[in-house]
Amino acid sequence: MGCRAIFSPLSLLPPSLSLPRIEEKMYKGQSGMWSWLLHRVTGLGILLFLFIHIVDISLLGFGPLVYDEGITLFDQFIVRLLSLALIGAVLFHAFNGVRIMFIDFWRKGARYQRAMFIGVLILTVLVFLPMSYYVIVPGLYWFTHVPTSSVSGH
């Protein structure tokens, strides 16, 4: 029993036309991929909020009491956290959209896309932090203020 060579049509190709190895074809996950992924995820999050907003506004059709009860849900702390996520999504989506326009319409945009992506992330965080204070602090009112008793004189 001798050793037989396995014939492959690819073996007929000259070495300069050989196919790339799997390591060469895999995408390494650079800033362009993360920017693309975050842009899509934030866009879907904003779309989800739009649907929720349409539902909560439609509660007006059922009368002011139903609407008021539905709106009280938005004062809960978990909903405040979701509002923060929405704010972050809108900020990133907007700033990244401007970055995409620079890449598309500026001749050197593709060369600086990584630096612009880092700038988008920094700008998003810098604008997000002051906004988060105004969303979270009113939700912490119950935690920072001790209720006073209405009965006095004892």
N, C-alpha and C. Protein backbone atom coordinates (compact mmCIF):
# COMPACT_ATOMS: atom_id res chain seq x y z
N MET A 1 0.83 -1.17 0.00
CA MET A 1 0.00 0.00 0.00
C MET A 1 0.88 1.23 0.00
N GLY A 2 0.83 1.90 -1.08
CA GLY A 2 1.62 3.11 -1.23
C GLY A 2 0.84 4.34 -0.83
N CYS A 3 1.55 5.39 -0.72
CA CYS A 3 0.94 6.67 -0.35
C CYS A 3 0.46 7.34 -1.62
N ARG A 4 -0.84 7.63 -1.72
CA ARG A 4 -1.37 8.26 -2.92
C ARG A 4 -1.59 9.74 -2.65
N ALA A 5 -1.24 10.55 -3.61
CA ALA A 5 -1.47 11.99 -3.51
C ALA A 5 -2.91 12.28 -3.90
N ILE A 6 -3.53 13.17 -3.20
CA ILE A 6 -4.91 13.56 -3.51
C ILE A 6 -4.85 14.67 -4.53
N PHE A 7 -5.57 14.48 -5.63
CA PHE A 7 -5.59 15.48 -6.69
C PHE A 7 -6.67 16.52 -6.40
N SER A 8 -6.31 17.77 -6.56
CA SER A 8 -7.25 18.86 -6.39
C SER A 8 -7.09 19.80 -7.57
N PRO A 9 -8.21 20.29 -8.13
CA PRO A 9 -8.09 21.25 -9.24
C PRO A 9 -7.35 22.51 -8.82
N LEU A 10 -7.39 22.84 -7.55
CA LEU A 10 -6.69 24.03 -7.07
C LEU A 10 -5.18 23.88 -7.17
N SER A 11 -4.70 22.64 -7.21
CA SER A 11 -3.26 22.43 -7.30
C SER A 11 -2.72 22.83 -8.67
N LEU A 12 -3.60 22.99 -9.65
CA LEU A 12 -3.18 23.41 -10.98
C LEU A 12 -2.94 24.91 -11.08
N LEU A 13 -3.44 25.68 -10.11
CA LEU A 13 -3.27 27.12 -10.13
C LEU A 13 -1.82 27.48 -9.84
N PRO A 14 -1.32 28.51 -10.53
CA PRO A 14 0.04 28.97 -10.18
C PRO A 14 0.04 29.55 -8.77
N PRO A 15 1.16 29.53 -8.07
CA PRO A 15 1.22 30.01 -6.68
C PRO A 15 0.76 31.45 -6.51
N SER A 16 0.95 32.29 -7.53
CA SER A 16 0.54 33.69 -7.40
C SER A 16 -0.98 33.84 -7.40
N LEU A 17 -1.72 32.85 -7.91
CA LEU A 17 -3.18 32.91 -7.95
C LEU A 17 -3.83 32.02 -6.89
N SER A 18 -3.05 31.55 -5.96
CA SER A 18 -3.63 30.66 -4.95
C SER A 18 -4.63 31.42 -4.09
N LEU A 19 -5.57 30.70 -3.54
CA LEU A 19 -6.61 31.29 -2.71
C LEU A 19 -6.04 31.69 -1.36
N PRO A 20 -6.58 32.75 -0.76
CA PRO A 20 -6.07 33.16 0.56
C PRO A 20 -6.46 32.15 1.63
N ARG A 21 -5.63 32.07 2.64
CA ARG A 21 -5.94 31.20 3.77
C ARG A 21 -7.11 31.79 4.54
N ILE A 22 -7.74 30.98 5.38
CA ILE A 22 -8.91 31.43 6.11
C ILE A 22 -8.56 32.60 7.03
N GLU A 23 -7.35 32.62 7.59
CA GLU A 23 -6.95 33.72 8.46
C GLU A 23 -6.91 35.04 7.71
N GLU A 24 -6.61 34.99 6.41
CA GLU A 24 -6.52 36.20 5.62
C GLU A 24 -7.89 36.72 5.20
N LYS A 25 -8.89 35.85 5.20
CA LYS A 25 -10.23 36.25 4.78
C LYS A 25 -11.07 36.77 5.94
N MET A 26 -10.72 36.41 7.16
CA MET A 26 -11.53 36.80 8.32
C MET A 26 -11.37 38.29 8.59
N TYR A 27 -12.50 38.91 8.91
CA TYR A 27 -12.48 40.33 9.25
C TYR A 27 -12.05 40.46 10.70
N LYS A 28 -11.17 41.38 11.00
CA LYS A 28 -10.57 41.48 12.31
C LYS A 28 -11.36 42.34 13.30
N GLY A 29 -12.49 42.89 12.93
CA GLY A 29 -13.32 43.64 13.86
C GLY A 29 -12.75 45.00 14.20
N GLN A 30 -12.43 45.79 13.22
CA GLN A 30 -11.86 47.10 13.46
C GLN A 30 -12.97 48.12 13.68
N SER A 31 -12.60 49.38 13.80
CA SER A 31 -13.55 50.42 14.17
C SER A 31 -14.70 50.55 13.17
N GLY A 32 -14.47 50.30 11.91
CA GLY A 32 -15.55 50.38 10.92
C GLY A 32 -16.66 49.39 11.19
N MET A 33 -16.29 48.18 11.60
CA MET A 33 -17.31 47.17 11.90
C MET A 33 -18.11 47.55 13.14
N TRP A 34 -17.41 48.03 14.18
CA TRP A 34 -18.11 48.40 15.40
C TRP A 34 -19.01 49.61 15.17
N SER A 35 -18.54 50.54 14.37
CA SER A 35 -19.35 51.70 14.04
C SER A 35 -20.61 51.28 13.30
N TRP A 36 -20.45 50.39 12.33
CA TRP A 36 -21.59 49.90 11.55
C TRP A 36 -22.58 49.19 12.47
N LEU A 37 -22.08 48.32 13.34
CA LEU A 37 -22.95 47.55 14.23
C LEU A 37 -23.68 48.47 15.21
N LEU A 38 -22.97 49.39 15.85
CA LEU A 38 -23.61 50.30 16.79
C LEU A 38 -24.62 51.22 16.11
N HIS A 39 -24.33 51.61 14.87
CA HIS A 39 -25.26 52.46 14.13
C HIS A 39 -26.57 51.72 13.89
N ARG A 40 -26.48 50.45 13.53
CA ARG A 40 -27.70 49.65 13.29
C ARG A 40 -28.46 49.39 14.58
N VAL A 41 -27.75 49.03 15.65
CA VAL A 41 -28.40 48.72 16.93
C VAL A 41 -29.08 49.97 17.49
N THR A 42 -28.39 51.11 17.45
CA THR A 42 -29.01 52.34 17.96
C THR A 42 -30.19 52.75 17.10
N GLY A 43 -30.10 52.54 15.80
CA GLY A 43 -31.25 52.84 14.93
C GLY A 43 -32.45 51.99 15.27
N LEU A 44 -32.23 50.71 15.55
CA LEU A 44 -33.35 49.83 15.94
C LEU A 44 -33.91 50.23 17.30
N GLY A 45 -33.04 50.64 18.22
CA GLY A 45 -33.51 51.10 19.52
C GLY A 45 -34.37 52.35 19.40
N ILE A 46 -33.96 53.27 18.55
CA ILE A 46 -34.75 54.49 18.33
C ILE A 46 -36.10 54.13 17.69
N LEU A 47 -36.09 53.19 16.77
CA LEU A 47 -37.34 52.75 16.14
C LEU A 47 -38.27 52.10 17.17
N LEU A 48 -37.72 51.31 18.07
CA LEU A 48 -38.52 50.70 19.14
C LEU A 48 -39.15 51.78 20.01
N PHE A 49 -38.37 52.81 20.34
CA PHE A 49 -38.92 53.90 21.14
C PHE A 49 -40.06 54.59 20.38
N LEU A 50 -39.91 54.76 19.08
CA LEU A 50 -40.96 55.39 18.29
C LEU A 50 -42.27 54.61 18.41
N PHE A 51 -42.20 53.29 18.34
CA PHE A 51 -43.40 52.47 18.49
C PHE A 51 -44.00 52.63 19.89
N ILE A 52 -43.15 52.63 20.92
CA ILE A 52 -43.64 52.81 22.29
C ILE A 52 -44.29 54.18 22.43
N HIS A 53 -43.68 55.19 21.84
CA HIS A 53 -44.21 56.54 21.92
C HIS A 53 -45.58 56.64 21.24
N ILE A 54 -45.74 55.98 20.12
CA ILE A 54 -47.03 55.98 19.43
C ILE A 54 -48.10 55.32 20.31
N VAL A 55 -47.74 54.22 20.97
CA VAL A 55 -48.69 53.54 21.86
C VAL A 55 -49.05 54.44 23.04
N ASP A 56 -48.05 55.09 23.65
CA ASP A 56 -48.38 55.90 24.82
C ASP A 56 -49.18 57.14 24.44
N ILE A 57 -48.96 57.71 23.30
CA ILE A 57 -49.78 58.85 22.86
C ILE A 57 -51.19 58.39 22.49
N SER A 58 -51.31 57.17 21.98
CA SER A 58 -52.64 56.68 21.62
C SER A 58 -53.52 56.47 22.86
N LEU A 59 -52.92 56.41 24.04
CA LEU A 59 -53.71 56.28 25.27
C LEU A 59 -54.61 57.49 25.49
N LEU A 60 -54.29 58.61 24.86
CA LEU A 60 -55.16 59.79 24.96
C LEU A 60 -56.56 59.51 24.44
N GLY A 61 -56.66 58.61 23.48
CA GLY A 61 -57.96 58.26 22.93
C GLY A 61 -58.87 57.55 23.91
N PHE A 62 -58.29 57.01 24.98
CA PHE A 62 -59.08 56.31 25.98
C PHE A 62 -59.45 57.20 27.16
N GLY A 63 -59.08 58.45 27.09
CA GLY A 63 -59.44 59.40 28.15
C GLY A 63 -58.25 59.81 28.98
N PRO A 64 -58.42 60.93 29.69
CA PRO A 64 -57.30 61.46 30.48
C PRO A 64 -56.88 60.57 31.64
N LEU A 65 -57.80 59.84 32.25
CA LEU A 65 -57.42 58.97 33.37
C LEU A 65 -56.52 57.82 32.92
N VAL A 66 -56.87 57.20 31.79
CA VAL A 66 -56.06 56.11 31.27
C VAL A 66 -54.68 56.63 30.86
N TYR A 67 -54.68 57.79 30.23
CA TYR A 67 -53.41 58.39 29.80
C TYR A 67 -52.54 58.71 31.01
N ASP A 68 -53.12 59.31 32.04
CA ASP A 68 -52.35 59.66 33.24
C ASP A 68 -51.77 58.43 33.92
N GLU A 69 -52.55 57.35 33.96
CA GLU A 69 -52.04 56.11 34.56
C GLU A 69 -50.90 55.53 33.73
N GLY A 70 -51.03 55.61 32.42
CA GLY A 70 -49.96 55.11 31.55
C GLY A 70 -48.68 55.93 31.66
N ILE A 71 -48.83 57.22 31.80
CA ILE A 71 -47.67 58.11 31.89
C ILE A 71 -46.93 57.94 33.22
N THR A 72 -47.64 57.54 34.29
CA THR A 72 -46.95 57.34 35.57
C THR A 72 -45.89 56.25 35.47
N LEU A 73 -46.02 55.35 34.53
CA LEU A 73 -45.01 54.32 34.30
C LEU A 73 -43.65 54.96 33.98
N PHE A 74 -43.66 56.10 33.30
CA PHE A 74 -42.42 56.73 32.88
C PHE A 74 -41.66 57.38 34.04
N ASP A 75 -42.25 57.44 35.22
CA ASP A 75 -41.56 58.01 36.36
C ASP A 75 -40.81 56.96 37.17
N GLN A 76 -40.94 55.70 36.81
CA GLN A 76 -40.23 54.65 37.53
C GLN A 76 -38.75 54.67 37.16
N PHE A 77 -37.93 54.22 38.09
CA PHE A 77 -36.48 54.32 37.92
C PHE A 77 -35.98 53.51 36.72
N ILE A 78 -36.51 52.31 36.52
CA ILE A 78 -36.07 51.47 35.40
C ILE A 78 -36.36 52.15 34.06
N VAL A 79 -37.49 52.86 34.00
CA VAL A 79 -37.83 53.57 32.76
C VAL A 79 -36.89 54.76 32.57
N ARG A 80 -36.45 55.35 33.66
CA ARG A 80 -35.45 56.43 33.55
C ARG A 80 -34.14 55.88 32.97
N LEU A 81 -33.76 54.68 33.38
CA LEU A 81 -32.56 54.06 32.81
C LEU A 81 -32.74 53.78 31.32
N LEU A 82 -33.94 53.33 30.95
CA LEU A 82 -34.22 53.12 29.52
C LEU A 82 -34.20 54.44 28.76
N SER A 83 -34.65 55.52 29.41
CA SER A 83 -34.58 56.83 28.78
C SER A 83 -33.13 57.25 28.57
N LEU A 84 -32.27 56.92 29.52
CA LEU A 84 -30.85 57.20 29.34
C LEU A 84 -30.28 56.42 28.16
N ALA A 85 -30.69 55.17 28.03
CA ALA A 85 -30.24 54.38 26.88
C ALA A 85 -30.71 55.01 25.57
N LEU A 86 -31.93 55.51 25.57
CA LEU A 86 -32.45 56.19 24.37
C LEU A 86 -31.64 57.45 24.06
N ILE A 87 -31.33 58.23 25.09
CA ILE A 87 -30.54 59.44 24.88
C ILE A 87 -29.17 59.08 24.31
N GLY A 88 -28.53 58.08 24.89
CA GLY A 88 -27.23 57.64 24.37
C GLY A 88 -27.33 57.14 22.94
N ALA A 89 -28.39 56.41 22.63
CA ALA A 89 -28.57 55.90 21.26
C ALA A 89 -28.77 57.04 20.27
N VAL A 90 -29.59 58.02 20.64
CA VAL A 90 -29.83 59.15 19.73
C VAL A 90 -28.54 59.94 19.52
N LEU A 91 -27.79 60.18 20.59
CA LEU A 91 -26.55 60.94 20.46
C LEU A 91 -25.55 60.21 19.57
N PHE A 92 -25.32 58.92 19.86
CA PHE A 92 -24.37 58.17 19.04
C PHE A 92 -24.82 58.11 17.59
N HIS A 93 -26.10 57.82 17.38
CA HIS A 93 -26.63 57.69 16.02
C HIS A 93 -26.46 59.00 15.24
N ALA A 94 -26.73 60.12 15.89
CA ALA A 94 -26.60 61.41 15.22
C ALA A 94 -25.14 61.73 14.91
N PHE A 95 -24.26 61.60 15.90
CA PHE A 95 -22.85 61.93 15.68
C PHE A 95 -22.22 60.97 14.67
N ASN A 96 -22.58 59.70 14.74
CA ASN A 96 -22.03 58.74 13.79
C ASN A 96 -22.57 58.99 12.38
N GLY A 97 -23.80 59.47 12.28
CA GLY A 97 -24.34 59.83 10.97
C GLY A 97 -23.55 60.96 10.33
N VAL A 98 -23.13 61.92 11.13
CA VAL A 98 -22.28 63.00 10.61
C VAL A 98 -20.93 62.43 10.18
N ARG A 99 -20.39 61.50 10.95
CA ARG A 99 -19.12 60.84 10.58
C ARG A 99 -19.26 60.12 9.24
N ILE A 100 -20.38 59.44 9.05
CA ILE A 100 -20.61 58.73 7.79
C ILE A 100 -20.68 59.71 6.62
N MET A 101 -21.32 60.85 6.85
CA MET A 101 -21.37 61.87 5.79
C MET A 101 -19.97 62.38 5.45
N PHE A 102 -19.13 62.57 6.47
CA PHE A 102 -17.75 62.98 6.20
C PHE A 102 -17.02 61.92 5.37
N ILE A 103 -17.20 60.66 5.71
CA ILE A 103 -16.54 59.60 4.96
C ILE A 103 -17.04 59.58 3.51
N ASP A 104 -18.33 59.80 3.32
CA ASP A 104 -18.91 59.75 1.97
C ASP A 104 -18.55 60.96 1.12
N PHE A 105 -18.52 62.15 1.71
CA PHE A 105 -18.41 63.37 0.91
C PHE A 105 -17.06 64.09 1.04
N TRP A 106 -16.21 63.67 1.95
CA TRP A 106 -14.91 64.29 2.09
C TRP A 106 -13.89 63.35 1.48
N ARG A 107 -13.07 63.86 0.62
CA ARG A 107 -12.12 63.05 -0.13
C ARG A 107 -11.20 62.24 0.80
N LYS A 108 -10.81 62.80 1.92
CA LYS A 108 -9.91 62.12 2.86
C LYS A 108 -10.66 61.44 4.00
N GLY A 109 -11.97 61.38 3.91
CA GLY A 109 -12.78 60.85 5.01
C GLY A 109 -12.45 59.42 5.39
N ALA A 110 -12.26 58.56 4.40
CA ALA A 110 -11.98 57.15 4.69
C ALA A 110 -10.64 57.00 5.41
N ARG A 111 -9.71 57.87 5.12
CA ARG A 111 -8.39 57.81 5.76
C ARG A 111 -8.49 58.09 7.26
N TYR A 112 -9.41 58.96 7.63
CA TYR A 112 -9.53 59.37 9.03
C TYR A 112 -10.75 58.76 9.73
N GLN A 113 -11.32 57.70 9.17
CA GLN A 113 -12.54 57.16 9.74
C GLN A 113 -12.34 56.61 11.15
N ARG A 114 -11.19 56.03 11.45
CA ARG A 114 -10.94 55.50 12.80
C ARG A 114 -10.87 56.65 13.81
N ALA A 115 -10.15 57.70 13.49
CA ALA A 115 -10.04 58.85 14.39
C ALA A 115 -11.40 59.50 14.58
N MET A 116 -12.18 59.58 13.50
CA MET A 116 -13.52 60.17 13.63
C MET A 116 -14.42 59.29 14.48
N PHE A 117 -14.27 57.97 14.39
CA PHE A 117 -15.07 57.06 15.22
C PHE A 117 -14.74 57.27 16.70
N ILE A 118 -13.47 57.40 17.02
CA ILE A 118 -13.07 57.67 18.40
C ILE A 118 -13.64 59.02 18.85
N GLY A 119 -13.61 60.00 17.96
CA GLY A 119 -14.19 61.31 18.26
C GLY A 119 -15.68 61.22 18.52
N VAL A 120 -16.38 60.40 17.75
CA VAL A 120 -17.82 60.20 17.94
C VAL A 120 -18.08 59.61 19.33
N LEU A 121 -17.29 58.61 19.72
CA LEU A 121 -17.48 57.99 21.03
C LEU A 121 -17.22 59.00 22.15
N ILE A 122 -16.15 59.78 22.03
CA ILE A 122 -15.84 60.77 23.06
C ILE A 122 -16.92 61.84 23.13
N LEU A 123 -17.35 62.34 21.98
CA LEU A 123 -18.39 63.37 21.94
C LEU A 123 -19.70 62.84 22.51
N THR A 124 -20.03 61.61 22.21
CA THR A 124 -21.25 61.00 22.74
C THR A 124 -21.21 60.95 24.27
N VAL A 125 -20.09 60.51 24.82
CA VAL A 125 -19.97 60.42 26.28
C VAL A 125 -20.00 61.81 26.91
N LEU A 126 -19.30 62.78 26.31
CA LEU A 126 -19.25 64.13 26.88
C LEU A 126 -20.62 64.81 26.89
N VAL A 127 -21.43 64.58 25.89
CA VAL A 127 -22.76 65.18 25.84
C VAL A 127 -23.74 64.37 26.69
N PHE A 128 -23.51 63.06 26.77
CA PHE A 128 -24.41 62.17 27.51
C PHE A 128 -24.34 62.41 29.02
N LEU A 129 -23.15 62.62 29.56
CA LEU A 129 -22.99 62.72 31.01
C LEU A 129 -23.83 63.83 31.65
N PRO A 130 -23.80 65.07 31.14
CA PRO A 130 -24.66 66.09 31.76
C PRO A 130 -26.14 65.77 31.62
N MET A 131 -26.53 65.19 30.51
CA MET A 131 -27.95 64.84 30.33
C MET A 131 -28.37 63.75 31.31
N SER A 132 -27.48 62.82 31.58
CA SER A 132 -27.83 61.74 32.49
C SER A 132 -28.10 62.26 33.90
N TYR A 133 -27.43 63.32 34.29
CA TYR A 133 -27.68 63.91 35.60
C TYR A 133 -29.14 64.37 35.70
N TYR A 134 -29.63 65.03 34.67
CA TYR A 134 -30.99 65.57 34.70
C TYR A 134 -32.07 64.49 34.57
N VAL A 135 -31.69 63.34 34.07
CA VAL A 135 -32.66 62.24 33.98
C VAL A 135 -32.69 61.43 35.27
N ILE A 136 -31.52 61.18 35.85
CA ILE A 136 -31.43 60.29 37.02
C ILE A 136 -31.78 60.99 38.33
N VAL A 137 -31.33 62.21 38.54
CA VAL A 137 -31.51 62.88 39.83
C VAL A 137 -32.97 62.97 40.25
N PRO A 138 -33.91 63.37 39.39
CA PRO A 138 -35.32 63.38 39.84
C PRO A 138 -35.83 61.99 40.22
N GLY A 139 -35.29 60.96 39.63
CA GLY A 139 -35.68 59.59 39.99
C GLY A 139 -35.13 59.14 41.32
N LEU A 140 -34.11 59.84 41.81
CA LEU A 140 -33.51 59.49 43.10
C LEU A 140 -34.13 60.28 44.25
N TYR A 141 -35.13 61.08 43.98
CA TYR A 141 -35.75 61.90 45.01
C TYR A 141 -36.22 61.06 46.19
N TRP A 142 -36.83 59.92 45.92
CA TRP A 142 -37.34 59.06 46.98
C TRP A 142 -36.20 58.50 47.81
N PHE A 143 -35.00 58.39 47.23
CA PHE A 143 -33.86 57.81 47.92
C PHE A 143 -33.14 58.85 48.79
N THR A 144 -33.16 60.11 48.35
CA THR A 144 -32.40 61.14 49.04
C THR A 144 -33.21 61.93 50.05
N HIS A 145 -34.52 61.84 50.02
CA HIS A 145 -35.36 62.60 50.94
C HIS A 145 -36.15 61.65 51.83
N VAL A 146 -36.02 61.86 53.14
CA VAL A 146 -36.76 61.06 54.10
C VAL A 146 -38.13 61.69 54.27
N PRO A 147 -39.20 60.91 54.14
CA PRO A 147 -40.53 61.48 54.31
C PRO A 147 -40.72 61.98 55.74
N THR A 148 -41.37 63.12 55.86
CA THR A 148 -41.65 63.69 57.17
C THR A 148 -43.05 63.29 57.61
N SER A 149 -43.22 63.19 58.88
CA SER A 149 -44.51 62.80 59.42
C SER A 149 -45.43 64.03 59.44
N SER A 150 -46.68 63.83 59.10
CA SER A 150 -47.64 64.93 59.09
C SER A 150 -48.25 65.14 60.47
N VAL A 151 -48.03 64.20 61.39
CA VAL A 151 -48.55 64.31 62.76
C VAL A 151 -47.49 65.01 63.61
N SER A 152 -47.88 66.06 64.29
CA SER A 152 -46.90 66.77 65.13
C SER A 152 -47.49 66.98 66.53
N GLY A 153 -46.66 67.36 67.45
CA GLY A 153 -47.12 67.68 68.78
C GLY A 153 -46.93 66.56 69.78
N HIS A 154 -46.43 65.43 69.43
CA HIS A 154 -46.23 64.35 70.41
C HIS A 154 -44.82 64.28 70.85
